[in-house]
Amino acid sequence: MPPQELLARPQWRRTGDTRFPVAATVDGRSWVLRLNSFPDHPLWTLFVDGAARFDTDSTPPTWGKPLNRAHPALAAATAEEILAPVRDFVAYGSEAGTPCDDPFCCG
């Protein structure tokens, strides 16, 4: 059975952060997408309430286009609050305690 998040319809908001470019509130939970160094790593990692849920190379159709510049921006203070739980997870794998240290993809 696929993760339930694949069926959701998040309303993405731009965060102003290049590594965590979009966030959404889905069913009262905070979603953040990390943009990874593709193709060395999966394109995206989804974090829900600060915890990594899964990696994916593409987004499901119900997610639309996360990087669409037409998405409204979050207020700076709101973006900081939403991104605070994931700030230490910039490098791929850091959320699992094994951050990538390859200078070509994550350096």
PDB file of N, CA and C in Angstrom:
ATOM      1  N   MET A   1       0.849  -1.186   0.000  1.00  0.00           N
ATOM      2  CA  MET A   1       0.000   0.000   0.000  1.00  0.00           C
ATOM      3  C   MET A   1       0.893   1.248   0.000  1.00  0.00           C
ATOM      4  N   PRO A   2       0.642   2.184  -0.890  1.00  0.00           N
ATOM      5  CA  PRO A   2       1.481   3.391  -0.955  1.00  0.00           C
ATOM      6  C   PRO A   2       1.239   4.287   0.255  1.00  0.00           C
ATOM      7  N   PRO A   3       2.235   5.125   0.581  1.00  0.00           N
ATOM      8  CA  PRO A   3       2.027   6.067   1.686  1.00  0.00           C
ATOM      9  C   PRO A   3       0.819   6.966   1.409  1.00  0.00           C
ATOM     10  N   GLN A   4       0.058   7.263   2.438  1.00  0.00           N
ATOM     11  CA  GLN A   4      -1.156   8.074   2.290  1.00  0.00           C
ATOM     12  C   GLN A   4      -0.859   9.459   1.725  1.00  0.00           C
ATOM     13  N   GLU A   5       0.346   9.954   1.943  1.00  0.00           N
ATOM     14  CA  GLU A   5       0.707  11.282   1.447  1.00  0.00           C
ATOM     15  C   GLU A   5       0.652  11.368  -0.086  1.00  0.00           C
ATOM     16  N   LEU A   6       0.810  10.237  -0.762  1.00  0.00           N
ATOM     17  CA  LEU A   6       0.805  10.250  -2.229  1.00  0.00           C
ATOM     18  C   LEU A   6      -0.562  10.612  -2.796  1.00  0.00           C
ATOM     19  N   LEU A   7      -1.609  10.493  -1.992  1.00  0.00           N
ATOM     20  CA  LEU A   7      -2.958  10.794  -2.447  1.00  0.00           C
ATOM     21  C   LEU A   7      -3.413  12.199  -2.057  1.00  0.00           C
ATOM     22  N   ALA A   8      -2.640  12.877  -1.235  1.00  0.00           N
ATOM     23  CA  ALA A   8      -3.015  14.204  -0.744  1.00  0.00           C
ATOM     24  C   ALA A   8      -2.909  15.249  -1.848  1.00  0.00           C
ATOM     25  N   ARG A   9      -3.546  16.375  -1.619  1.00  0.00           N
ATOM     26  CA  ARG A   9      -3.511  17.509  -2.556  1.00  0.00           C
ATOM     27  C   ARG A   9      -2.982  18.743  -1.829  1.00  0.00           C
ATOM     28  N   PRO A  10      -1.676  18.768  -1.572  1.00  0.00           N
ATOM     29  CA  PRO A  10      -1.116  19.904  -0.844  1.00  0.00           C
ATOM     30  C   PRO A  10      -1.229  21.209  -1.624  1.00  0.00           C
ATOM     31  N   GLN A  11      -1.457  22.274  -0.914  1.00  0.00           N
ATOM     32  CA  GLN A  11      -1.460  23.613  -1.493  1.00  0.00           C
ATOM     33  C   GLN A  11      -0.099  24.224  -1.156  1.00  0.00           C
ATOM     34  N   TRP A  12       0.859  24.077  -2.044  1.00  0.00           N
ATOM     35  CA  TRP A  12       2.238  24.482  -1.787  1.00  0.00           C
ATOM     36  C   TRP A  12       2.356  25.992  -1.637  1.00  0.00           C
ATOM     37  N   ARG A  13       3.267  26.373  -0.749  1.00  0.00           N
ATOM     38  CA  ARG A  13       3.631  27.776  -0.540  1.00  0.00           C
ATOM     39  C   ARG A  13       5.148  27.850  -0.616  1.00  0.00           C
ATOM     40  N   ARG A  14       5.659  28.867  -1.270  1.00  0.00           N
ATOM     41  CA  ARG A  14       7.106  29.042  -1.380  1.00  0.00           C
ATOM     42  C   ARG A  14       7.665  29.515  -0.038  1.00  0.00           C
ATOM     43  N   THR A  15       8.843  28.961   0.322  1.00  0.00           N
ATOM     44  CA  THR A  15       9.464  29.297   1.604  1.00  0.00           C
ATOM     45  C   THR A  15      10.577  30.321   1.485  1.00  0.00           C
ATOM     46  N   GLY A  16      11.134  30.487   0.271  1.00  0.00           N
ATOM     47  CA  GLY A  16      12.287  31.356   0.094  1.00  0.00           C
ATOM     48  C   GLY A  16      13.603  30.665   0.373  1.00  0.00           C
ATOM     49  N   ASP A  17      13.583  29.368   0.664  1.00  0.00           N
ATOM     50  CA  ASP A  17      14.779  28.587   0.957  1.00  0.00           C
ATOM     51  C   ASP A  17      15.072  27.676  -0.230  1.00  0.00           C
ATOM     52  N   THR A  18      16.302  27.678  -0.727  1.00  0.00           N
ATOM     53  CA  THR A  18      16.626  26.884  -1.912  1.00  0.00           C
ATOM     54  C   THR A  18      16.617  25.380  -1.651  1.00  0.00           C
ATOM     55  N   ARG A  19      16.989  24.942  -0.460  1.00  0.00           N
ATOM     56  CA  ARG A  19      17.007  23.502  -0.155  1.00  0.00           C
ATOM     57  C   ARG A  19      15.640  22.974   0.257  1.00  0.00           C
ATOM     58  N   PHE A  20      14.838  23.800   0.883  1.00  0.00           N
ATOM     59  CA  PHE A  20      13.488  23.448   1.314  1.00  0.00           C
ATOM     60  C   PHE A  20      12.536  24.467   0.680  1.00  0.00           C
ATOM     61  N   PRO A  21      12.323  24.361  -0.636  1.00  0.00           N
ATOM     62  CA  PRO A  21      11.660  25.455  -1.356  1.00  0.00           C
ATOM     63  C   PRO A  21      10.163  25.606  -1.125  1.00  0.00           C
ATOM     64  N   VAL A  22       9.484  24.536  -0.714  1.00  0.00           N
ATOM     65  CA  VAL A  22       8.036  24.632  -0.539  1.00  0.00           C
ATOM     66  C   VAL A  22       7.576  23.902   0.711  1.00  0.00           C
ATOM     67  N   ALA A  23       6.442  24.379   1.214  1.00  0.00           N
ATOM     68  CA  ALA A  23       5.814  23.771   2.381  1.00  0.00           C
ATOM     69  C   ALA A  23       4.308  23.847   2.205  1.00  0.00           C
ATOM     70  N   ALA A  24       3.595  23.049   2.967  1.00  0.00           N
ATOM     71  CA  ALA A  24       2.133  23.052   2.932  1.00  0.00           C
ATOM     72  C   ALA A  24       1.627  22.561   4.279  1.00  0.00           C
ATOM     73  N   THR A  25       0.402  22.875   4.568  1.00  0.00           N
ATOM     74  CA  THR A  25      -0.284  22.300   5.719  1.00  0.00           C
ATOM     75  C   THR A  25      -1.332  21.353   5.161  1.00  0.00           C
ATOM     76  N   VAL A  26      -1.222  20.090   5.533  1.00  0.00           N
ATOM     77  CA  VAL A  26      -2.135  19.060   5.041  1.00  0.00           C
ATOM     78  C   VAL A  26      -2.736  18.356   6.250  1.00  0.00           C
ATOM     79  N   ASP A  27      -4.047  18.435   6.382  1.00  0.00           N
ATOM     80  CA  ASP A  27      -4.746  17.814   7.521  1.00  0.00           C
ATOM     81  C   ASP A  27      -4.127  18.231   8.850  1.00  0.00           C
ATOM     82  N   GLY A  28      -3.763  19.506   8.956  1.00  0.00           N
ATOM     83  CA  GLY A  28      -3.207  20.035  10.201  1.00  0.00           C
ATOM     84  C   GLY A  28      -1.753  19.694  10.445  1.00  0.00           C
ATOM     85  N   ARG A  29      -1.117  19.041   9.489  1.00  0.00           N
ATOM     86  CA  ARG A  29       0.290  18.658   9.633  1.00  0.00           C
ATOM     87  C   ARG A  29       1.148  19.482   8.691  1.00  0.00           C
ATOM     88  N   SER A  30       2.347  19.773   9.120  1.00  0.00           N
ATOM     89  CA  SER A  30       3.270  20.597   8.355  1.00  0.00           C
ATOM     90  C   SER A  30       4.107  19.726   7.426  1.00  0.00           C
ATOM     91  N   TRP A  31       4.014  20.009   6.142  1.00  0.00           N
ATOM     92  CA  TRP A  31       4.792  19.308   5.128  1.00  0.00           C
ATOM     93  C   TRP A  31       5.887  20.236   4.622  1.00  0.00           C
ATOM     94  N   VAL A  32       7.078  19.677   4.423  1.00  0.00           N
ATOM     95  CA  VAL A  32       8.184  20.409   3.817  1.00  0.00           C
ATOM     96  C   VAL A  32       8.853  19.470   2.818  1.00  0.00           C
ATOM     97  N   LEU A  33       9.136  19.982   1.623  1.00  0.00           N
ATOM     98  CA  LEU A  33       9.891  19.211   0.633  1.00  0.00           C
ATOM     99  C   LEU A  33      11.324  19.708   0.593  1.00  0.00           C
ATOM    100  N   ARG A  34      12.267  18.765   0.705  1.00  0.00           N
ATOM    101  CA  ARG A  34      13.681  19.096   0.510  1.00  0.00           C
ATOM    102  C   ARG A  34      14.044  18.736  -0.922  1.00  0.00           C
ATOM    103  N   LEU A  35      14.701  19.649  -1.599  1.00  0.00           N
ATOM    104  CA  LEU A  35      15.203  19.422  -2.943  1.00  0.00           C
ATOM    105  C   LEU A  35      16.611  18.867  -2.815  1.00  0.00           C
ATOM    106  N   ASN A  36      16.794  17.608  -3.250  1.00  0.00           N
ATOM    107  CA  ASN A  36      18.083  16.930  -3.111  1.00  0.00           C
ATOM    108  C   ASN A  36      18.926  17.088  -4.371  1.00  0.00           C
ATOM    109  N   SER A  37      20.156  16.623  -4.291  1.00  0.00           N
ATOM    110  CA  SER A  37      21.090  16.668  -5.427  1.00  0.00           C
ATOM    111  C   SER A  37      20.810  15.491  -6.351  1.00  0.00           C
ATOM    112  N   PHE A  38      19.891  15.689  -7.254  1.00  0.00           N
ATOM    113  CA  PHE A  38      19.499  14.685  -8.228  1.00  0.00           C
ATOM    114  C   PHE A  38      20.480  14.727  -9.396  1.00  0.00           C
ATOM    115  N   PRO A  39      20.939  13.660  -9.955  1.00  0.00           N
ATOM    116  CA  PRO A  39      20.501  12.287  -9.834  1.00  0.00           C
ATOM    117  C   PRO A  39      21.303  11.460  -8.826  1.00  0.00           C
ATOM    118  N   ASP A  40      22.212  12.112  -8.093  1.00  0.00           N
ATOM    119  CA  ASP A  40      22.987  11.365  -7.100  1.00  0.00           C
ATOM    120  C   ASP A  40      22.118  10.852  -5.955  1.00  0.00           C
ATOM    121  N   HIS A  41      21.026  11.551  -5.705  1.00  0.00           N
ATOM    122  CA  HIS A  41      20.071  11.193  -4.656  1.00  0.00           C
ATOM    123  C   HIS A  41      18.671  11.373  -5.228  1.00  0.00           C
ATOM    124  N   PRO A  42      17.662  10.812  -4.563  1.00  0.00           N
ATOM    125  CA  PRO A  42      16.300  11.066  -5.036  1.00  0.00           C
ATOM    126  C   PRO A  42      16.037  12.575  -5.108  1.00  0.00           C
ATOM    127  N   LEU A  43      15.186  12.980  -6.014  1.00  0.00           N
ATOM    128  CA  LEU A  43      14.926  14.401  -6.231  1.00  0.00           C
ATOM    129  C   LEU A  43      14.370  15.087  -4.982  1.00  0.00           C
ATOM    130  N   TRP A  44      13.429  14.449  -4.313  1.00  0.00           N
ATOM    131  CA  TRP A  44      12.749  15.050  -3.163  1.00  0.00           C
ATOM    132  C   TRP A  44      12.792  14.158  -1.930  1.00  0.00           C
ATOM    133  N   THR A  45      12.772  14.789  -0.759  1.00  0.00           N
ATOM    134  CA  THR A  45      12.480  14.105   0.500  1.00  0.00           C
ATOM    135  C   THR A  45      11.316  14.859   1.118  1.00  0.00           C
ATOM    136  N   LEU A  46      10.275  14.122   1.492  1.00  0.00           N
ATOM    137  CA  LEU A  46       9.125  14.722   2.164  1.00  0.00           C
ATOM    138  C   LEU A  46       9.307  14.599   3.671  1.00  0.00           C
ATOM    139  N   PHE A  47       9.175  15.725   4.355  1.00  0.00           N
ATOM    140  CA  PHE A  47       9.173  15.768   5.815  1.00  0.00           C
ATOM    141  C   PHE A  47       7.763  16.138   6.266  1.00  0.00           C
ATOM    142  N   VAL A  48       7.247  15.412   7.242  1.00  0.00           N
ATOM    143  CA  VAL A  48       5.940  15.717   7.819  1.00  0.00           C
ATOM    144  C   VAL A  48       6.148  15.960   9.305  1.00  0.00           C
ATOM    145  N   ASP A  49       5.780  17.145   9.748  1.00  0.00           N
ATOM    146  CA  ASP A  49       5.998  17.552  11.147  1.00  0.00           C
ATOM    147  C   ASP A  49       7.445  17.327  11.584  1.00  0.00           C
ATOM    148  N   GLY A  50       8.374  17.615  10.676  1.00  0.00           N
ATOM    149  CA  GLY A  50       9.800  17.545  10.979  1.00  0.00           C
ATOM    150  C   GLY A  50      10.433  16.177  10.840  1.00  0.00           C
ATOM    151  N   ALA A  51       9.649  15.145  10.543  1.00  0.00           N
ATOM    152  CA  ALA A  51      10.182  13.788  10.388  1.00  0.00           C
ATOM    153  C   ALA A  51      10.162  13.385   8.916  1.00  0.00           C
ATOM    154  N   ALA A  52      11.254  12.778   8.454  1.00  0.00           N
ATOM    155  CA  ALA A  52      11.311  12.319   7.065  1.00  0.00           C
ATOM    156  C   ALA A  52      10.313  11.186   6.872  1.00  0.00           C
ATOM    157  N   ARG A  53       9.516  11.300   5.800  1.00  0.00           N
ATOM    158  CA  ARG A  53       8.540  10.246   5.488  1.00  0.00           C
ATOM    159  C   ARG A  53       9.061   9.334   4.379  1.00  0.00           C
ATOM    160  N   PHE A  54       9.493   9.913   3.261  1.00  0.00           N
ATOM    161  CA  PHE A  54      10.028   9.101   2.168  1.00  0.00           C
ATOM    162  C   PHE A  54      10.691   9.999   1.142  1.00  0.00           C
ATOM    163  N   ASP A  55      11.482   9.361   0.271  1.00  0.00           N
ATOM    164  CA  ASP A  55      12.135  10.022  -0.859  1.00  0.00           C
ATOM    165  C   ASP A  55      11.370   9.665  -2.121  1.00  0.00           C
ATOM    166  N   THR A  56      11.444  10.547  -3.107  1.00  0.00           N
ATOM    167  CA  THR A  56      10.819  10.258  -4.391  1.00  0.00           C
ATOM    168  C   THR A  56      11.552  11.012  -5.503  1.00  0.00           C
ATOM    169  N   ASP A  57      11.575  10.395  -6.674  1.00  0.00           N
ATOM    170  CA  ASP A  57      12.189  11.038  -7.837  1.00  0.00           C
ATOM    171  C   ASP A  57      11.186  11.878  -8.615  1.00  0.00           C
ATOM    172  N   SER A  58       9.927  11.719  -8.322  1.00  0.00           N
ATOM    173  CA  SER A  58       8.893  12.519  -8.985  1.00  0.00           C
ATOM    174  C   SER A  58       7.775  12.741  -7.979  1.00  0.00           C
ATOM    175  N   THR A  59       6.954  13.714  -8.276  1.00  0.00           N
ATOM    176  CA  THR A  59       5.837  13.969  -7.378  1.00  0.00           C
ATOM    177  C   THR A  59       4.579  13.372  -7.988  1.00  0.00           C
ATOM    178  N   PRO A  60       3.682  12.877  -7.147  1.00  0.00           N
ATOM    179  CA  PRO A  60       2.444  12.320  -7.690  1.00  0.00           C
ATOM    180  C   PRO A  60       1.603  13.428  -8.333  1.00  0.00           C
ATOM    181  N   PRO A  61       0.760  13.083  -9.277  1.00  0.00           N
ATOM    182  CA  PRO A  61      -0.062  14.095  -9.944  1.00  0.00           C
ATOM    183  C   PRO A  61      -0.887  14.946  -8.975  1.00  0.00           C
ATOM    184  N   THR A  62      -1.320  14.368  -7.876  1.00  0.00           N
ATOM    185  CA  THR A  62      -2.136  15.129  -6.916  1.00  0.00           C
ATOM    186  C   THR A  62      -1.351  16.246  -6.239  1.00  0.00           C
ATOM    187  N   TRP A  63      -0.012  16.206  -6.313  1.00  0.00           N
ATOM    188  CA  TRP A  63       0.825  17.238  -5.689  1.00  0.00           C
ATOM    189  C   TRP A  63       1.031  18.438  -6.605  1.00  0.00           C
ATOM    190  N   GLY A  64       0.623  18.341  -7.841  1.00  0.00           N
ATOM    191  CA  GLY A  64       0.863  19.438  -8.766  1.00  0.00           C
ATOM    192  C   GLY A  64       2.352  19.609  -9.015  1.00  0.00           C
ATOM    193  N   LYS A  65       2.746  20.846  -9.265  1.00  0.00           N
ATOM    194  CA  LYS A  65       4.156  21.169  -9.541  1.00  0.00           C
ATOM    195  C   LYS A  65       4.693  21.983  -8.372  1.00  0.00           C
ATOM    196  N   PRO A  66       5.404  21.336  -7.450  1.00  0.00           N
ATOM    197  CA  PRO A  66       5.874  22.051  -6.263  1.00  0.00           C
ATOM    198  C   PRO A  66       6.706  23.292  -6.559  1.00  0.00           C
ATOM    199  N   LEU A  67       7.512  23.273  -7.618  1.00  0.00           N
ATOM    200  CA  LEU A  67       8.393  24.414  -7.882  1.00  0.00           C
ATOM    201  C   LEU A  67       7.750  25.509  -8.730  1.00  0.00           C
ATOM    202  N   ASN A  68       6.461  25.446  -8.914  1.00  0.00           N
ATOM    203  CA  ASN A  68       5.757  26.465  -9.691  1.00  0.00           C
ATOM    204  C   ASN A  68       5.886  27.821  -8.984  1.00  0.00           C
ATOM    205  N   ARG A  69       6.472  28.779  -9.678  1.00  0.00           N
ATOM    206  CA  ARG A  69       6.673  30.119  -9.097  1.00  0.00           C
ATOM    207  C   ARG A  69       5.364  30.853  -8.832  1.00  0.00           C
ATOM    208  N   ALA A  70       4.267  30.332  -9.348  1.00  0.00           N
ATOM    209  CA  ALA A  70       2.966  30.960  -9.108  1.00  0.00           C
ATOM    210  C   ALA A  70       2.429  30.674  -7.705  1.00  0.00           C
ATOM    211  N   HIS A  71       3.026  29.697  -7.015  1.00  0.00           N
ATOM    212  CA  HIS A  71       2.572  29.423  -5.651  1.00  0.00           C
ATOM    213  C   HIS A  71       2.835  30.647  -4.787  1.00  0.00           C
ATOM    214  N   PRO A  72       1.910  30.982  -3.911  1.00  0.00           N
ATOM    215  CA  PRO A  72       2.136  32.134  -3.034  1.00  0.00           C
ATOM    216  C   PRO A  72       3.281  31.876  -2.063  1.00  0.00           C
ATOM    217  N   ALA A  73       3.920  32.936  -1.654  1.00  0.00           N
ATOM    218  CA  ALA A  73       5.019  32.831  -0.685  1.00  0.00           C
ATOM    219  C   ALA A  73       4.474  32.887   0.737  1.00  0.00           C
ATOM    220  N   LEU A  74       5.135  32.165   1.618  1.00  0.00           N
ATOM    221  CA  LEU A  74       4.837  32.265   3.048  1.00  0.00           C
ATOM    222  C   LEU A  74       5.458  33.540   3.596  1.00  0.00           C
ATOM    223  N   ALA A  75       4.862  34.090   4.620  1.00  0.00           N
ATOM    224  CA  ALA A  75       5.498  35.198   5.333  1.00  0.00           C
ATOM    225  C   ALA A  75       6.808  34.677   5.905  1.00  0.00           C
ATOM    226  N   ALA A  76       7.823  35.516   5.977  1.00  0.00           N
ATOM    227  CA  ALA A  76       9.156  35.096   6.427  1.00  0.00           C
ATOM    228  C   ALA A  76       9.102  34.426   7.796  1.00  0.00           C
ATOM    229  N   ALA A  77       8.367  34.984   8.728  1.00  0.00           N
ATOM    230  CA  ALA A  77       8.287  34.405  10.082  1.00  0.00           C
ATOM    231  C   ALA A  77       7.615  33.033  10.054  1.00  0.00           C
ATOM    232  N   THR A  78       6.592  32.885   9.231  1.00  0.00           N
ATOM    233  CA  THR A  78       5.906  31.596   9.108  1.00  0.00           C
ATOM    234  C   THR A  78       6.829  30.565   8.485  1.00  0.00           C
ATOM    235  N   ALA A  79       7.556  30.960   7.439  1.00  0.00           N
ATOM    236  CA  ALA A  79       8.500  30.043   6.800  1.00  0.00           C
ATOM    237  C   ALA A  79       9.561  29.582   7.800  1.00  0.00           C
ATOM    238  N   GLU A  80      10.095  30.502   8.578  1.00  0.00           N
ATOM    239  CA  GLU A  80      11.110  30.128   9.579  1.00  0.00           C
ATOM    240  C   GLU A  80      10.555  29.138  10.589  1.00  0.00           C
ATOM    241  N   GLU A  81       9.329  29.347  11.012  1.00  0.00           N
ATOM    242  CA  GLU A  81       8.704  28.446  11.989  1.00  0.00           C
ATOM    243  C   GLU A  81       8.512  27.046  11.408  1.00  0.00           C
ATOM    244  N   ILE A  82       8.050  26.988  10.157  1.00  0.00           N
ATOM    245  CA  ILE A  82       7.817  25.702   9.512  1.00  0.00           C
ATOM    246  C   ILE A  82       9.124  24.975   9.215  1.00  0.00           C
ATOM    247  N   LEU A  83      10.166  25.733   8.849  1.00  0.00           N
ATOM    248  CA  LEU A  83      11.442  25.108   8.491  1.00  0.00           C
ATOM    249  C   LEU A  83      12.315  24.774   9.696  1.00  0.00           C
ATOM    250  N   ALA A  84      12.046  25.357  10.845  1.00  0.00           N
ATOM    251  CA  ALA A  84      12.888  25.136  12.034  1.00  0.00           C
ATOM    252  C   ALA A  84      13.133  23.648  12.331  1.00  0.00           C
ATOM    253  N   PRO A  85      12.128  22.778  12.292  1.00  0.00           N
ATOM    254  CA  PRO A  85      12.390  21.362  12.620  1.00  0.00           C
ATOM    255  C   PRO A  85      13.270  20.624  11.615  1.00  0.00           C
ATOM    256  N   VAL A  86      13.432  21.158  10.400  1.00  0.00           N
ATOM    257  CA  VAL A  86      14.224  20.451   9.380  1.00  0.00           C
ATOM    258  C   VAL A  86      15.534  21.151   9.052  1.00  0.00           C
ATOM    259  N   ARG A  87      15.810  22.270   9.658  1.00  0.00           N
ATOM    260  CA  ARG A  87      17.014  23.066   9.337  1.00  0.00           C
ATOM    261  C   ARG A  87      18.310  22.269   9.403  1.00  0.00           C
ATOM    262  N   ASP A  88      18.397  21.305  10.316  1.00  0.00           N
ATOM    263  CA  ASP A  88      19.625  20.519  10.456  1.00  0.00           C
ATOM    264  C   ASP A  88      19.722  19.386   9.437  1.00  0.00           C
ATOM    265  N   PHE A  89      18.729  19.259   8.555  1.00  0.00           N
ATOM    266  CA  PHE A  89      18.678  18.148   7.610  1.00  0.00           C
ATOM    267  C   PHE A  89      18.914  18.603   6.168  1.00  0.00           C
ATOM    268  N   VAL A  90      19.833  19.524   5.979  1.00  0.00           N
ATOM    269  CA  VAL A  90      20.115  20.037   4.636  1.00  0.00           C
ATOM    270  C   VAL A  90      20.756  18.962   3.765  1.00  0.00           C
ATOM    271  N   ALA A  91      21.739  18.231   4.280  1.00  0.00           N
ATOM    272  CA  ALA A  91      22.427  17.196   3.493  1.00  0.00           C
ATOM    273  C   ALA A  91      21.565  15.947   3.402  1.00  0.00           C
ATOM    274  N   TYR A  92      21.535  15.349   2.215  1.00  0.00           N
ATOM    275  CA  TYR A  92      20.780  14.114   2.033  1.00  0.00           C
ATOM    276  C   TYR A  92      21.268  13.074   3.045  1.00  0.00           C
ATOM    277  N   GLY A  93      20.347  12.413   3.699  1.00  0.00           N
ATOM    278  CA  GLY A  93      20.674  11.369   4.671  1.00  0.00           C
ATOM    279  C   GLY A  93      20.875  11.878   6.081  1.00  0.00           C
ATOM    280  N   SER A  94      20.995  13.187   6.265  1.00  0.00           N
ATOM    281  CA  SER A  94      21.236  13.724   7.612  1.00  0.00           C
ATOM    282  C   SER A  94      20.087  13.417   8.554  1.00  0.00           C
ATOM    283  N   GLU A  95      18.889  13.311   8.029  1.00  0.00           N
ATOM    284  CA  GLU A  95      17.734  12.990   8.863  1.00  0.00           C
ATOM    285  C   GLU A  95      17.806  11.585   9.439  1.00  0.00           C
ATOM    286  N   ALA A  96      18.654  10.727   8.846  1.00  0.00           N
ATOM    287  CA  ALA A  96      18.851   9.358   9.332  1.00  0.00           C
ATOM    288  C   ALA A  96      20.185   9.211  10.062  1.00  0.00           C
ATOM    289  N   GLY A  97      20.885  10.329  10.259  1.00  0.00           N
ATOM    290  CA  GLY A  97      22.166  10.281  10.958  1.00  0.00           C
ATOM    291  C   GLY A  97      23.341   9.914  10.072  1.00  0.00           C
ATOM    292  N   THR A  98      23.119   9.850   8.755  1.00  0.00           N
ATOM    293  CA  THR A  98      24.193   9.507   7.815  1.00  0.00           C
ATOM    294  C   THR A  98      24.228  10.532   6.682  1.00  0.00           C
ATOM    295  N   PRO A  99      24.624  11.780   6.999  1.00  0.00           N
ATOM    296  CA  PRO A  99      24.619  12.809   5.957  1.00  0.00           C
ATOM    297  C   PRO A  99      25.633  12.524   4.856  1.00  0.00           C
ATOM    298  N   CYS A 100      25.234  12.788   3.641  1.00  0.00           N
ATOM    299  CA  CYS A 100      26.129  12.658   2.506  1.00  0.00           C
ATOM    300  C   CYS A 100      27.226  13.706   2.645  1.00  0.00           C
ATOM    301  N   ASP A 101      28.464  13.284   2.474  1.00  0.00           N
ATOM    302  CA  ASP A 101      29.575  14.237   2.573  1.00  0.00           C
ATOM    303  C   ASP A 101      30.361  14.301   1.261  1.00  0.00           C
ATOM    304  N   ASP A 102      29.763  13.844   0.187  1.00  0.00           N
ATOM    305  CA  ASP A 102      30.396  13.918  -1.116  1.00  0.00           C
ATOM    306  C   ASP A 102      30.399  15.371  -1.579  1.00  0.00           C
ATOM    307  N   PRO A 103      31.586  15.961  -1.805  1.00  0.00           N
ATOM    308  CA  PRO A 103      31.637  17.383  -2.164  1.00  0.00           C
ATOM    309  C   PRO A 103      31.025  17.691  -3.527  1.00  0.00           C
ATOM    310  N   PHE A 104      30.835  16.677  -4.386  1.00  0.00           N
ATOM    311  CA  PHE A 104      30.283  16.925  -5.707  1.00  0.00           C
ATOM    312  C   PHE A 104      28.760  16.994  -5.706  1.00  0.00           C
ATOM    313  N   CYS A 105      28.106  16.308  -4.781  1.00  0.00           N
ATOM    314  CA  CYS A 105      26.637  16.361  -4.792  1.00  0.00           C
ATOM    315  C   CYS A 105      26.078  17.083  -3.565  1.00  0.00           C
ATOM    316  N   CYS A 106      26.750  17.013  -2.459  1.00  0.00           N
ATOM    317  CA  CYS A 106      26.193  17.595  -1.243  1.00  0.00           C
ATOM    318  C   CYS A 106      27.126  18.576  -0.542  1.00  0.00           C
ATOM    319  N   GLY A 107      28.260  18.857  -1.161  1.00  0.00           N
ATOM    320  CA  GLY A 107      29.264  19.698  -0.524  1.00  0.00           C
ATOM    321  C   GLY A 107      29.027  21.150  -0.558  1.00  0.00           C
TER     322      GLY A 107
END
